[in-house]
């Protein structure tokens, strides 16, 4: 997407729809400096500001790196519940994560099982 297309998106107020449709954005060094001025605060409010993609980086690898990331906006809640694995994972695959205090696995009707 070039600068003209971004200006057209901002004129038609389609930036919010674009931000809701995609989870992550990548931008080159030349465009990333102009994005806040052209698209305004629409991408920042949704936490969708683009990641930097340099010319010597592999685009596919950078896209694969952005896929597993999850962004949370915590306001007044101190507890956060997120699916981070599946039933076939072993205990060792779950352990040794930084910033994880406790890890429980729970089925729909079953009791929570403490893993970590």
PDB file of N, CA and C in Angstrom:
ATOM      1  N   UNK A   1       0.848  -1.165   0.000  1.00  0.00           N
ATOM      2  CA  UNK A   1       0.000   0.000   0.000  1.00  0.00           C
ATOM      3  C   UNK A   1       0.901   1.238   0.000  1.00  0.00           C
ATOM      4  N   UNK A   2       0.626   2.181  -0.861  1.00  0.00           N
ATOM      5  CA  UNK A   2       1.440   3.388  -0.925  1.00  0.00           C
ATOM      6  C   UNK A   2       0.756   4.540  -0.185  1.00  0.00           C
ATOM      7  N   UNK A   3       1.382   5.719  -0.224  1.00  0.00           N
ATOM      8  CA  UNK A   3       0.888   6.867   0.537  1.00  0.00           C
ATOM      9  C   UNK A   3      -0.463   7.345   0.013  1.00  0.00           C
ATOM     10  N   UNK A   4      -0.648   7.333  -1.303  1.00  0.00           N
ATOM     11  CA  UNK A   4      -1.924   7.780  -1.878  1.00  0.00           C
ATOM     12  C   UNK A   4      -3.080   6.903  -1.406  1.00  0.00           C
ATOM     13  N   UNK A   5      -2.851   5.598  -1.354  1.00  0.00           N
ATOM     14  CA  UNK A   5      -3.896   4.678  -0.901  1.00  0.00           C
ATOM     15  C   UNK A   5      -4.219   4.899   0.577  1.00  0.00           C
ATOM     16  N   UNK A   6      -3.182   5.185   1.384  1.00  0.00           N
ATOM     17  CA  UNK A   6      -3.417   5.438   2.807  1.00  0.00           C
ATOM     18  C   UNK A   6      -4.215   6.720   3.010  1.00  0.00           C
ATOM     19  N   UNK A   7      -3.935   7.755   2.222  1.00  0.00           N
ATOM     20  CA  UNK A   7      -4.698   9.002   2.326  1.00  0.00           C
ATOM     21  C   UNK A   7      -6.154   8.783   1.940  1.00  0.00           C
ATOM     22  N   UNK A   8      -6.370   7.939   0.933  1.00  0.00           N
ATOM     23  CA  UNK A   8      -7.733   7.649   0.500  1.00  0.00           C
ATOM     24  C   UNK A   8      -8.488   6.882   1.589  1.00  0.00           C
ATOM     25  N   UNK A   9      -7.799   5.973   2.286  1.00  0.00           N
ATOM     26  CA  UNK A   9      -8.415   5.245   3.406  1.00  0.00           C
ATOM     27  C   UNK A   9      -8.837   6.207   4.512  1.00  0.00           C
ATOM     28  N   UNK A  10      -7.996   7.171   4.797  1.00  0.00           N
ATOM     29  CA  UNK A  10      -8.286   8.120   5.864  1.00  0.00           C
ATOM     30  C   UNK A  10      -9.435   9.047   5.483  1.00  0.00           C
ATOM     31  N   UNK A  11      -9.543   9.404   4.206  1.00  0.00           N
ATOM     32  CA  UNK A  11     -10.645  10.262   3.762  1.00  0.00           C
ATOM     33  C   UNK A  11     -11.984   9.550   3.896  1.00  0.00           C
ATOM     34  N   UNK A  12     -12.008   8.274   3.593  1.00  0.00           N
ATOM     35  CA  UNK A  12     -13.256   7.513   3.616  1.00  0.00           C
ATOM     36  C   UNK A  12     -13.551   6.881   4.971  1.00  0.00           C
ATOM     37  N   UNK A  13     -12.706   7.140   5.977  1.00  0.00           N
ATOM     38  CA  UNK A  13     -12.879   6.586   7.327  1.00  0.00           C
ATOM     39  C   UNK A  13     -12.902   5.050   7.323  1.00  0.00           C
ATOM     40  N   UNK A  14     -12.098   4.459   6.446  1.00  0.00           N
ATOM     41  CA  UNK A  14     -12.018   3.004   6.374  1.00  0.00           C
ATOM     42  C   UNK A  14     -10.886   2.444   7.228  1.00  0.00           C
ATOM     43  N   UNK A  15     -10.159   3.310   7.918  1.00  0.00           N
ATOM     44  CA  UNK A  15      -9.025   2.866   8.728  1.00  0.00           C
ATOM     45  C   UNK A  15      -9.491   1.971   9.867  1.00  0.00           C
ATOM     46  N   UNK A  16     -10.598   2.325  10.507  1.00  0.00           N
ATOM     47  CA  UNK A  16     -11.109   1.514  11.621  1.00  0.00           C
ATOM     48  C   UNK A  16     -11.527   0.133  11.145  1.00  0.00           C
ATOM     49  N   UNK A  17     -12.150   0.059   9.973  1.00  0.00           N
ATOM     50  CA  UNK A  17     -12.541  -1.241   9.421  1.00  0.00           C
ATOM     51  C   UNK A  17     -11.313  -2.080   9.111  1.00  0.00           C
ATOM     52  N   UNK A  18     -10.277  -1.444   8.578  1.00  0.00           N
ATOM     53  CA  UNK A  18      -9.036  -2.145   8.267  1.00  0.00           C
ATOM     54  C   UNK A  18      -8.366  -2.647   9.545  1.00  0.00           C
ATOM     55  N   UNK A  19      -8.379  -1.830  10.595  1.00  0.00           N
ATOM     56  CA  UNK A  19      -7.768  -2.212  11.871  1.00  0.00           C
ATOM     57  C   UNK A  19      -8.518  -3.364  12.525  1.00  0.00           C
ATOM     58  N   UNK A  20      -9.842  -3.406  12.368  1.00  0.00           N
ATOM     59  CA  UNK A  20     -10.619  -4.507  12.941  1.00  0.00           C
ATOM     60  C   UNK A  20     -10.452  -5.792  12.143  1.00  0.00           C
ATOM     61  N   UNK A  21     -10.208  -5.660  10.850  1.00  0.00           N
ATOM     62  CA  UNK A  21     -10.125  -6.828   9.976  1.00  0.00           C
ATOM     63  C   UNK A  21      -8.820  -7.601  10.166  1.00  0.00           C
ATOM     64  N   UNK A  22      -7.710  -6.900  10.417  1.00  0.00           N
ATOM     65  CA  UNK A  22      -6.403  -7.541  10.523  1.00  0.00           C
ATOM     66  C   UNK A  22      -5.848  -7.405  11.936  1.00  0.00           C
ATOM     67  N   UNK A  23      -5.069  -8.409  12.356  1.00  0.00           N
ATOM     68  CA  UNK A  23      -4.497  -8.413  13.700  1.00  0.00           C
ATOM     69  C   UNK A  23      -3.145  -7.720  13.769  1.00  0.00           C
ATOM     70  N   UNK A  24      -2.383  -7.727  12.675  1.00  0.00           N
ATOM     71  CA  UNK A  24      -1.047  -7.144  12.685  1.00  0.00           C
ATOM     72  C   UNK A  24      -0.769  -6.473  11.348  1.00  0.00           C
ATOM     73  N   UNK A  25       0.079  -5.458  11.393  1.00  0.00           N
ATOM     74  CA  UNK A  25       0.476  -4.733  10.196  1.00  0.00           C
ATOM     75  C   UNK A  25       1.989  -4.634  10.149  1.00  0.00           C
ATOM     76  N   UNK A  26       2.555  -4.688   8.953  1.00  0.00           N
ATOM     77  CA  UNK A  26       3.980  -4.509   8.733  1.00  0.00           C
ATOM     78  C   UNK A  26       4.160  -3.302   7.825  1.00  0.00           C
ATOM     79  N   UNK A  27       5.191  -2.493   8.083  1.00  0.00           N
ATOM     80  CA  UNK A  27       5.448  -1.314   7.261  1.00  0.00           C
ATOM     81  C   UNK A  27       6.946  -1.133   7.078  1.00  0.00           C
ATOM     82  N   UNK A  28       7.326  -0.581   5.933  1.00  0.00           N
ATOM     83  CA  UNK A  28       8.736  -0.331   5.654  1.00  0.00           C
ATOM     84  C   UNK A  28       9.210   0.897   6.426  1.00  0.00           C
ATOM     85  N   UNK A  29      10.525   1.080   6.436  1.00  0.00           N
ATOM     86  CA  UNK A  29      11.114   2.189   7.190  1.00  0.00           C
ATOM     87  C   UNK A  29      10.646   3.545   6.665  1.00  0.00           C
ATOM     88  N   UNK A  30      10.484   3.649   5.354  1.00  0.00           N
ATOM     89  CA  UNK A  30      10.087   4.931   4.777  1.00  0.00           C
ATOM     90  C   UNK A  30       8.629   5.272   5.088  1.00  0.00           C
ATOM     91  N   UNK A  31       7.761   4.262   5.177  1.00  0.00           N
ATOM     92  CA  UNK A  31       6.343   4.522   5.428  1.00  0.00           C
ATOM     93  C   UNK A  31       5.995   4.639   6.904  1.00  0.00           C
ATOM     94  N   UNK A  32       6.741   3.963   7.767  1.00  0.00           N
ATOM     95  CA  UNK A  32       6.351   3.902   9.179  1.00  0.00           C
ATOM     96  C   UNK A  32       6.416   5.280   9.850  1.00  0.00           C
ATOM     97  N   UNK A  33       7.263   6.173   9.340  1.00  0.00           N
ATOM     98  CA  UNK A  33       7.350   7.520   9.902  1.00  0.00           C
ATOM     99  C   UNK A  33       6.150   8.371   9.499  1.00  0.00           C
ATOM    100  N   UNK A  34       5.532   8.056   8.361  1.00  0.00           N
ATOM    101  CA  UNK A  34       4.428   8.862   7.848  1.00  0.00           C
ATOM    102  C   UNK A  34       3.058   8.334   8.260  1.00  0.00           C
ATOM    103  N   UNK A  35       2.992   7.115   8.746  1.00  0.00           N
ATOM    104  CA  UNK A  35       1.705   6.496   9.089  1.00  0.00           C
ATOM    105  C   UNK A  35       0.944   7.268  10.172  1.00  0.00           C
ATOM    106  N   UNK A  36       1.567   7.701  11.278  1.00  0.00           N
ATOM    107  CA  UNK A  36       0.792   8.443  12.277  1.00  0.00           C
ATOM    108  C   UNK A  36       0.210   9.752  11.733  1.00  0.00           C
ATOM    109  N   UNK A  37       0.934  10.401  10.845  1.00  0.00           N
ATOM    110  CA  UNK A  37       0.460  11.670  10.293  1.00  0.00           C
ATOM    111  C   UNK A  37      -0.675  11.447   9.301  1.00  0.00           C
ATOM    112  N   UNK A  38      -0.575  10.386   8.486  1.00  0.00           N
ATOM    113  CA  UNK A  38      -1.571  10.150   7.439  1.00  0.00           C
ATOM    114  C   UNK A  38      -2.821   9.474   7.992  1.00  0.00           C
ATOM    115  N   UNK A  39      -2.641   8.413   8.743  1.00  0.00           N
ATOM    116  CA  UNK A  39      -3.789   7.640   9.218  1.00  0.00           C
ATOM    117  C   UNK A  39      -4.328   8.126  10.557  1.00  0.00           C
ATOM    118  N   UNK A  40      -3.579   8.972  11.216  1.00  0.00           N
ATOM    119  CA  UNK A  40      -4.067   9.523  12.468  1.00  0.00           C
ATOM    120  C   UNK A  40      -4.034   8.507  13.595  1.00  0.00           C
ATOM    121  N   UNK A  41      -4.801   8.767  14.645  1.00  0.00           N
ATOM    122  CA  UNK A  41      -4.759   7.908  15.828  1.00  0.00           C
ATOM    123  C   UNK A  41      -5.590   6.633  15.702  1.00  0.00           C
ATOM    124  N   UNK A  42      -6.178   6.388  14.555  1.00  0.00           N
ATOM    125  CA  UNK A  42      -7.079   5.232  14.417  1.00  0.00           C
ATOM    126  C   UNK A  42      -6.381   3.908  14.679  1.00  0.00           C
ATOM    127  N   UNK A  43      -5.164   3.749  14.159  1.00  0.00           N
ATOM    128  CA  UNK A  43      -4.439   2.494  14.380  1.00  0.00           C
ATOM    129  C   UNK A  43      -3.904   2.400  15.803  1.00  0.00           C
ATOM    130  N   UNK A  44      -3.505   3.520  16.377  1.00  0.00           N
ATOM    131  CA  UNK A  44      -2.976   3.499  17.742  1.00  0.00           C
ATOM    132  C   UNK A  44      -4.039   3.148  18.767  1.00  0.00           C
ATOM    133  N   UNK A  45      -5.266   3.616  18.582  1.00  0.00           N
ATOM    134  CA  UNK A  45      -6.333   3.341  19.543  1.00  0.00           C
ATOM    135  C   UNK A  45      -6.636   1.857  19.622  1.00  0.00           C
ATOM    136  N   UNK A  46      -6.569   1.172  18.500  1.00  0.00           N
ATOM    137  CA  UNK A  46      -6.846  -0.256  18.489  1.00  0.00           C
ATOM    138  C   UNK A  46      -5.642  -1.103  18.821  1.00  0.00           C
ATOM    139  N   UNK A  47      -4.492  -0.473  19.082  1.00  0.00           N
ATOM    140  CA  UNK A  47      -3.277  -1.223  19.372  1.00  0.00           C
ATOM    141  C   UNK A  47      -2.740  -1.930  18.150  1.00  0.00           C
ATOM    142  N   UNK A  48      -2.987  -1.375  16.984  1.00  0.00           N
ATOM    143  CA  UNK A  48      -2.627  -2.024  15.730  1.00  0.00           C
ATOM    144  C   UNK A  48      -1.507  -1.293  15.003  1.00  0.00           C
ATOM    145  N   UNK A  49      -0.661  -0.562  15.697  1.00  0.00           N
ATOM    146  CA  UNK A  49       0.388   0.173  15.000  1.00  0.00           C
ATOM    147  C   UNK A  49       1.329  -0.816  14.324  1.00  0.00           C
ATOM    148  N   UNK A  50       1.749  -0.546  13.098  1.00  0.00           N
ATOM    149  CA  UNK A  50       2.555  -1.505  12.335  1.00  0.00           C
ATOM    150  C   UNK A  50       3.923  -1.778  12.944  1.00  0.00           C
ATOM    151  N   UNK A  51       4.405  -2.993  12.716  1.00  0.00           N
ATOM    152  CA  UNK A  51       5.759  -3.361  13.099  1.00  0.00           C
ATOM    153  C   UNK A  51       6.699  -2.979  11.964  1.00  0.00           C
ATOM    154  N   UNK A  52       7.938  -2.714  12.305  1.00  0.00           N
ATOM    155  CA  UNK A  52       8.920  -2.293  11.317  1.00  0.00           C
ATOM    156  C   UNK A  52       9.408  -3.488  10.512  1.00  0.00           C
ATOM    157  N   UNK A  53       9.426  -3.347   9.203  1.00  0.00           N
ATOM    158  CA  UNK A  53       9.942  -4.362   8.288  1.00  0.00           C
ATOM    159  C   UNK A  53      11.046  -3.717   7.477  1.00  0.00           C
ATOM    160  N   UNK A  54      12.304  -4.084   7.749  1.00  0.00           N
ATOM    161  CA  UNK A  54      13.422  -3.513   7.003  1.00  0.00           C
ATOM    162  C   UNK A  54      13.581  -4.239   5.679  1.00  0.00           C
ATOM    163  N   UNK A  55      14.380  -3.649   4.800  1.00  0.00           N
ATOM    164  CA  UNK A  55      14.531  -4.200   3.453  1.00  0.00           C
ATOM    165  C   UNK A  55      15.309  -5.513   3.428  1.00  0.00           C
ATOM    166  N   UNK A  56      16.156  -5.752   4.423  1.00  0.00           N
ATOM    167  CA  UNK A  56      16.935  -6.987   4.419  1.00  0.00           C
ATOM    168  C   UNK A  56      16.276  -8.112   5.216  1.00  0.00           C
ATOM    169  N   UNK A  57      15.087  -7.889   5.783  1.00  0.00           N
ATOM    170  CA  UNK A  57      14.371  -8.936   6.513  1.00  0.00           C
ATOM    171  C   UNK A  57      13.454  -9.708   5.578  1.00  0.00           C
ATOM    172  N   UNK A  58      13.248 -10.966   5.905  1.00  0.00           N
ATOM    173  CA  UNK A  58      12.345 -11.808   5.133  1.00  0.00           C
ATOM    174  C   UNK A  58      10.907 -11.497   5.546  1.00  0.00           C
ATOM    175  N   UNK A  59      10.069 -11.163   4.566  1.00  0.00           N
ATOM    176  CA  UNK A  59       8.694 -10.758   4.859  1.00  0.00           C
ATOM    177  C   UNK A  59       7.874 -11.922   5.408  1.00  0.00           C
ATOM    178  N   UNK A  60       8.087 -13.118   4.885  1.00  0.00           N
ATOM    179  CA  UNK A  60       7.333 -14.289   5.346  1.00  0.00           C
ATOM    180  C   UNK A  60       7.698 -14.614   6.791  1.00  0.00           C
ATOM    181  N   UNK A  61       8.990 -14.543   7.117  1.00  0.00           N
ATOM    182  CA  UNK A  61       9.430 -14.828   8.486  1.00  0.00           C
ATOM    183  C   UNK A  61       8.888 -13.786   9.462  1.00  0.00           C
ATOM    184  N   UNK A  62       8.858 -12.536   9.046  1.00  0.00           N
ATOM    185  CA  UNK A  62       8.331 -11.470   9.907  1.00  0.00           C
ATOM    186  C   UNK A  62       6.822 -11.644  10.119  1.00  0.00           C
ATOM    187  N   UNK A  63       6.116 -12.097   9.083  1.00  0.00           N
ATOM    188  CA  UNK A  63       4.685 -12.374   9.210  1.00  0.00           C
ATOM    189  C   UNK A  63       4.422 -13.537  10.139  1.00  0.00           C
ATOM    190  N   UNK A  64       5.244 -14.596  10.030  1.00  0.00           N
ATOM    191  CA  UNK A  64       5.106 -15.742  10.929  1.00  0.00           C
ATOM    192  C   UNK A  64       5.420 -15.357  12.372  1.00  0.00           C
ATOM    193  N   UNK A  65       6.319 -14.400  12.556  1.00  0.00           N
ATOM    194  CA  UNK A  65       6.663 -13.928  13.896  1.00  0.00           C
ATOM    195  C   UNK A  65       5.502 -13.147  14.516  1.00  0.00           C
ATOM    196  N   UNK A  66       4.736 -12.463  13.688  1.00  0.00           N
ATOM    197  CA  UNK A  66       3.620 -11.653  14.181  1.00  0.00           C
ATOM    198  C   UNK A  66       2.367 -12.480  14.445  1.00  0.00           C
ATOM    199  N   UNK A  67       2.255 -13.659  13.847  1.00  0.00           N
ATOM    200  CA  UNK A  67       1.040 -14.472  13.996  1.00  0.00           C
ATOM    201  C   UNK A  67       0.748 -14.895  15.432  1.00  0.00           C
ATOM    202  N   UNK A  68       1.719 -15.425  16.198  1.00  0.00           N
ATOM    203  CA  UNK A  68       1.361 -15.922  17.536  1.00  0.00           C
ATOM    204  C   UNK A  68       1.234 -14.845  18.605  1.00  0.00           C
ATOM    205  N   UNK A  69       1.459 -13.588  18.266  1.00  0.00           N
ATOM    206  CA  UNK A  69       1.375 -12.549  19.288  1.00  0.00           C
ATOM    207  C   UNK A  69      -0.074 -12.210  19.602  1.00  0.00           C
ATOM    208  N   UNK A  70      -0.319 -11.950  20.862  1.00  0.00           N
ATOM    209  CA  UNK A  70      -1.652 -11.577  21.330  1.00  0.00           C
ATOM    210  C   UNK A  70      -1.502 -10.294  22.132  1.00  0.00           C
ATOM    211  N   UNK A  71      -2.354  -9.320  21.864  1.00  0.00           N
ATOM    212  CA  UNK A  71      -2.304  -8.065  22.600  1.00  0.00           C
ATOM    213  C   UNK A  71      -3.514  -7.976  23.508  1.00  0.00           C
ATOM    214  N   UNK A  72      -3.280  -7.584  24.748  1.00  0.00           N
ATOM    215  CA  UNK A  72      -4.350  -7.452  25.722  1.00  0.00           C
ATOM    216  C   UNK A  72      -4.445  -6.006  26.172  1.00  0.00           C
ATOM    217  N   UNK A  73      -5.658  -5.553  26.376  1.00  0.00           N
ATOM    218  CA  UNK A  73      -5.899  -4.237  26.941  1.00  0.00           C
ATOM    219  C   UNK A  73      -6.607  -4.447  28.274  1.00  0.00           C
ATOM    220  N   UNK A  74      -5.839  -4.391  29.360  1.00  0.00           N
ATOM    221  CA  UNK A  74      -6.409  -4.604  30.683  1.00  0.00           C
ATOM    222  C   UNK A  74      -6.781  -3.259  31.282  1.00  0.00           C
ATOM    223  N   UNK A  75      -8.001  -3.147  31.758  1.00  0.00           N
ATOM    224  CA  UNK A  75      -8.449  -1.891  32.346  1.00  0.00           C
ATOM    225  C   UNK A  75      -8.589  -2.035  33.851  1.00  0.00           C
ATOM    226  N   UNK A  76      -9.621  -2.708  34.313  1.00  0.00           N
ATOM    227  CA  UNK A  76      -9.853  -2.839  35.753  1.00  0.00           C
ATOM    228  C   UNK A  76      -9.731  -4.279  36.227  1.00  0.00           C
ATOM    229  N   UNK A  77      -9.509  -5.209  35.324  1.00  0.00           N
ATOM    230  CA  UNK A  77      -9.472  -6.623  35.670  1.00  0.00           C
ATOM    231  C   UNK A  77      -8.035  -7.030  35.972  1.00  0.00           C
ATOM    232  N   UNK A  78      -7.822  -7.710  37.091  1.00  0.00           N
ATOM    233  CA  UNK A  78      -6.490  -8.162  37.456  1.00  0.00           C
ATOM    234  C   UNK A  78      -6.230  -9.601  37.040  1.00  0.00           C
ATOM    235  N   UNK A  79      -7.251 -10.310  36.642  1.00  0.00           N
ATOM    236  CA  UNK A  79      -7.123 -11.702  36.228  1.00  0.00           C
ATOM    237  C   UNK A  79      -7.402 -11.779  34.731  1.00  0.00           C
ATOM    238  N   UNK A  80      -6.646 -12.603  34.042  1.00  0.00           N
ATOM    239  CA  UNK A  80      -6.782 -12.703  32.600  1.00  0.00           C
ATOM    240  C   UNK A  80      -6.826 -14.168  32.214  1.00  0.00           C
ATOM    241  N   UNK A  81      -7.816 -14.573  31.459  1.00  0.00           N
ATOM    242  CA  UNK A  81      -7.954 -15.962  31.027  1.00  0.00           C
ATOM    243  C   UNK A  81      -7.735 -16.032  29.522  1.00  0.00           C
ATOM    244  N   UNK A  82      -6.774 -16.852  29.111  1.00  0.00           N
ATOM    245  CA  UNK A  82      -6.416 -16.961  27.701  1.00  0.00           C
ATOM    246  C   UNK A  82      -6.091 -18.408  27.382  1.00  0.00           C
ATOM    247  N   UNK A  83      -6.487 -18.870  26.218  1.00  0.00           N
ATOM    248  CA  UNK A  83      -6.100 -20.201  25.759  1.00  0.00           C
ATOM    249  C   UNK A  83      -4.685 -20.118  25.203  1.00  0.00           C
ATOM    250  N   UNK A  84      -3.756 -20.885  25.786  1.00  0.00           N
ATOM    251  CA  UNK A  84      -2.356 -20.812  25.360  1.00  0.00           C
ATOM    252  C   UNK A  84      -1.802 -22.141  24.878  1.00  0.00           C
ATOM    253  N   UNK A  85      -2.604 -23.167  24.870  1.00  0.00           N
ATOM    254  CA  UNK A  85      -2.106 -24.468  24.460  1.00  0.00           C
ATOM    255  C   UNK A  85      -3.241 -25.392  24.112  1.00  0.00           C
ATOM    256  N   UNK A  86      -2.897 -26.673  24.034  1.00  0.00           N
ATOM    257  CA  UNK A  86      -3.904 -27.681  23.740  1.00  0.00           C
ATOM    258  C   UNK A  86      -3.702 -28.887  24.639  1.00  0.00           C
ATOM    259  N   UNK A  87      -4.608 -29.818  24.610  1.00  0.00           N
ATOM    260  CA  UNK A  87      -4.639 -30.943  25.538  1.00  0.00           C
ATOM    261  C   UNK A  87      -3.433 -31.862  25.367  1.00  0.00           C
ATOM    262  N   UNK A  88      -2.899 -31.987  24.168  1.00  0.00           N
ATOM    263  CA  UNK A  88      -1.812 -32.931  23.904  1.00  0.00           C
ATOM    264  C   UNK A  88      -0.438 -32.411  24.318  1.00  0.00           C
ATOM    265  N   UNK A  89      -0.345 -31.177  24.803  1.00  0.00           N
ATOM    266  CA  UNK A  89       0.942 -30.633  25.238  1.00  0.00           C
ATOM    267  C   UNK A  89       1.342 -31.249  26.578  1.00  0.00           C
ATOM    268  N   UNK A  90       2.648 -31.449  26.780  1.00  0.00           N
ATOM    269  CA  UNK A  90       3.152 -32.007  28.035  1.00  0.00           C
ATOM    270  C   UNK A  90       3.372 -30.882  29.043  1.00  0.00           C
ATOM    271  N   UNK A  91       3.594 -31.274  30.317  1.00  0.00           N
ATOM    272  CA  UNK A  91       3.841 -30.286  31.368  1.00  0.00           C
ATOM    273  C   UNK A  91       5.107 -29.483  31.089  1.00  0.00           C
ATOM    274  N   UNK A  92       6.131 -30.139  30.531  1.00  0.00           N
ATOM    275  CA  UNK A  92       7.392 -29.453  30.261  1.00  0.00           C
ATOM    276  C   UNK A  92       7.249 -28.383  29.186  1.00  0.00           C
ATOM    277  N   UNK A  93       6.321 -28.570  28.264  1.00  0.00           N
ATOM    278  CA  UNK A  93       6.099 -27.561  27.229  1.00  0.00           C
ATOM    279  C   UNK A  93       5.456 -26.303  27.811  1.00  0.00           C
ATOM    280  N   UNK A  94       4.714 -26.440  28.896  1.00  0.00           N
ATOM    281  CA  UNK A  94       4.068 -25.295  29.527  1.00  0.00           C
ATOM    282  C   UNK A  94       4.997 -24.556  30.486  1.00  0.00           C
ATOM    283  N   UNK A  95       5.897 -25.256  31.147  1.00  0.00           N
ATOM    284  CA  UNK A  95       6.697 -24.677  32.223  1.00  0.00           C
ATOM    285  C   UNK A  95       7.807 -23.775  31.694  1.00  0.00           C
ATOM    286  N   UNK A  96       8.428 -23.046  32.626  1.00  0.00           N
ATOM    287  CA  UNK A  96       9.577 -22.168  32.390  1.00  0.00           C
ATOM    288  C   UNK A  96       9.253 -20.966  31.514  1.00  0.00           C
ATOM    289  N   UNK A  97       8.068 -20.446  31.607  1.00  0.00           N
ATOM    290  CA  UNK A  97       7.717 -19.210  30.905  1.00  0.00           C
ATOM    291  C   UNK A  97       7.950 -18.039  31.834  1.00  0.00           C
ATOM    292  N   UNK A  98       8.435 -16.961  31.290  1.00  0.00           N
ATOM    293  CA  UNK A  98       8.594 -15.744  32.085  1.00  0.00           C
ATOM    294  C   UNK A  98       7.229 -15.097  32.262  1.00  0.00           C
ATOM    295  N   UNK A  99       7.047 -14.447  33.377  1.00  0.00           N
ATOM    296  CA  UNK A  99       5.832 -13.682  33.694  1.00  0.00           C
ATOM    297  C   UNK A  99       4.571 -14.530  33.807  1.00  0.00           C
ATOM    298  N   UNK A 100       4.693 -15.833  33.957  1.00  0.00           N
ATOM    299  CA  UNK A 100       3.520 -16.683  34.176  1.00  0.00           C
ATOM    300  C   UNK A 100       3.583 -17.147  35.624  1.00  0.00           C
ATOM    301  N   UNK A 101       2.613 -16.729  36.421  1.00  0.00           N
ATOM    302  CA  UNK A 101       2.615 -17.096  37.833  1.00  0.00           C
ATOM    303  C   UNK A 101       1.914 -18.415  38.069  1.00  0.00           C
ATOM    304  N   UNK A 102       0.817 -18.651  37.391  1.00  0.00           N
ATOM    305  CA  UNK A 102       0.059 -19.884  37.569  1.00  0.00           C
ATOM    306  C   UNK A 102      -0.560 -20.265  36.236  1.00  0.00           C
ATOM    307  N   UNK A 103      -0.682 -21.565  36.034  1.00  0.00           N
ATOM    308  CA  UNK A 103      -1.241 -22.055  34.782  1.00  0.00           C
ATOM    309  C   UNK A 103      -2.226 -23.168  35.102  1.00  0.00           C
ATOM    310  N   UNK A 104      -3.453 -22.978  34.703  1.00  0.00           N
ATOM    311  CA  UNK A 104      -4.509 -23.958  34.918  1.00  0.00           C
ATOM    312  C   UNK A 104      -5.062 -24.374  33.572  1.00  0.00           C
ATOM    313  N   UNK A 105      -5.475 -25.621  33.482  1.00  0.00           N
ATOM    314  CA  UNK A 105      -6.170 -26.082  32.284  1.00  0.00           C
ATOM    315  C   UNK A 105      -7.570 -26.498  32.720  1.00  0.00           C
ATOM    316  N   UNK A 106      -8.566 -26.109  31.927  1.00  0.00           N
ATOM    317  CA  UNK A 106      -9.945 -26.374  32.305  1.00  0.00           C
ATOM    318  C   UNK A 106     -10.738 -26.767  31.076  1.00  0.00           C
ATOM    319  N   UNK A 107     -11.476 -27.850  31.205  1.00  0.00           N
ATOM    320  CA  UNK A 107     -12.408 -28.222  30.140  1.00  0.00           C
ATOM    321  C   UNK A 107     -13.720 -27.485  30.376  1.00  0.00           C
ATOM    322  N   UNK A 108     -14.643 -27.644  29.480  1.00  0.00           N
ATOM    323  CA  UNK A 108     -15.895 -26.900  29.569  1.00  0.00           C
ATOM    324  C   UNK A 108     -16.682 -27.227  30.828  1.00  0.00           C
ATOM    325  N   UNK A 109     -16.776 -28.500  31.190  1.00  0.00           N
ATOM    326  CA  UNK A 109     -17.565 -28.894  32.351  1.00  0.00           C
ATOM    327  C   UNK A 109     -16.716 -29.394  33.506  1.00  0.00           C
ATOM    328  N   UNK A 110     -15.430 -29.621  33.287  1.00  0.00           N
ATOM    329  CA  UNK A 110     -14.588 -30.198  34.325  1.00  0.00           C
ATOM    330  C   UNK A 110     -14.023 -29.178  35.290  1.00  0.00           C
ATOM    331  N   UNK A 111     -13.318 -29.701  36.312  1.00  0.00           N
ATOM    332  CA  UNK A 111     -12.669 -28.847  37.294  1.00  0.00           C
ATOM    333  C   UNK A 111     -11.337 -28.350  36.724  1.00  0.00           C
ATOM    334  N   UNK A 112     -10.874 -27.171  37.134  1.00  0.00           N
ATOM    335  CA  UNK A 112      -9.567 -26.682  36.677  1.00  0.00           C
ATOM    336  C   UNK A 112      -8.439 -27.529  37.261  1.00  0.00           C
ATOM    337  N   UNK A 113      -7.437 -27.850  36.452  1.00  0.00           N
ATOM    338  CA  UNK A 113      -6.277 -28.620  36.884  1.00  0.00           C
ATOM    339  C   UNK A 113      -5.065 -27.686  36.913  1.00  0.00           C
ATOM    340  N   UNK A 114      -4.385 -27.637  38.071  1.00  0.00           N
ATOM    341  CA  UNK A 114      -3.218 -26.772  38.236  1.00  0.00           C
ATOM    342  C   UNK A 114      -2.018 -27.425  37.550  1.00  0.00           C
ATOM    343  N   UNK A 115      -1.399 -26.734  36.594  1.00  0.00           N
ATOM    344  CA  UNK A 115      -0.240 -27.266  35.888  1.00  0.00           C
ATOM    345  C   UNK A 115       1.061 -26.618  36.328  1.00  0.00           C
ATOM    346  N   UNK A 116       1.035 -25.326  36.612  1.00  0.00           N
ATOM    347  CA  UNK A 116       2.279 -24.604  36.882  1.00  0.00           C
ATOM    348  C   UNK A 116       2.042 -23.595  37.967  1.00  0.00           C
TER     349      UNK A 116
END
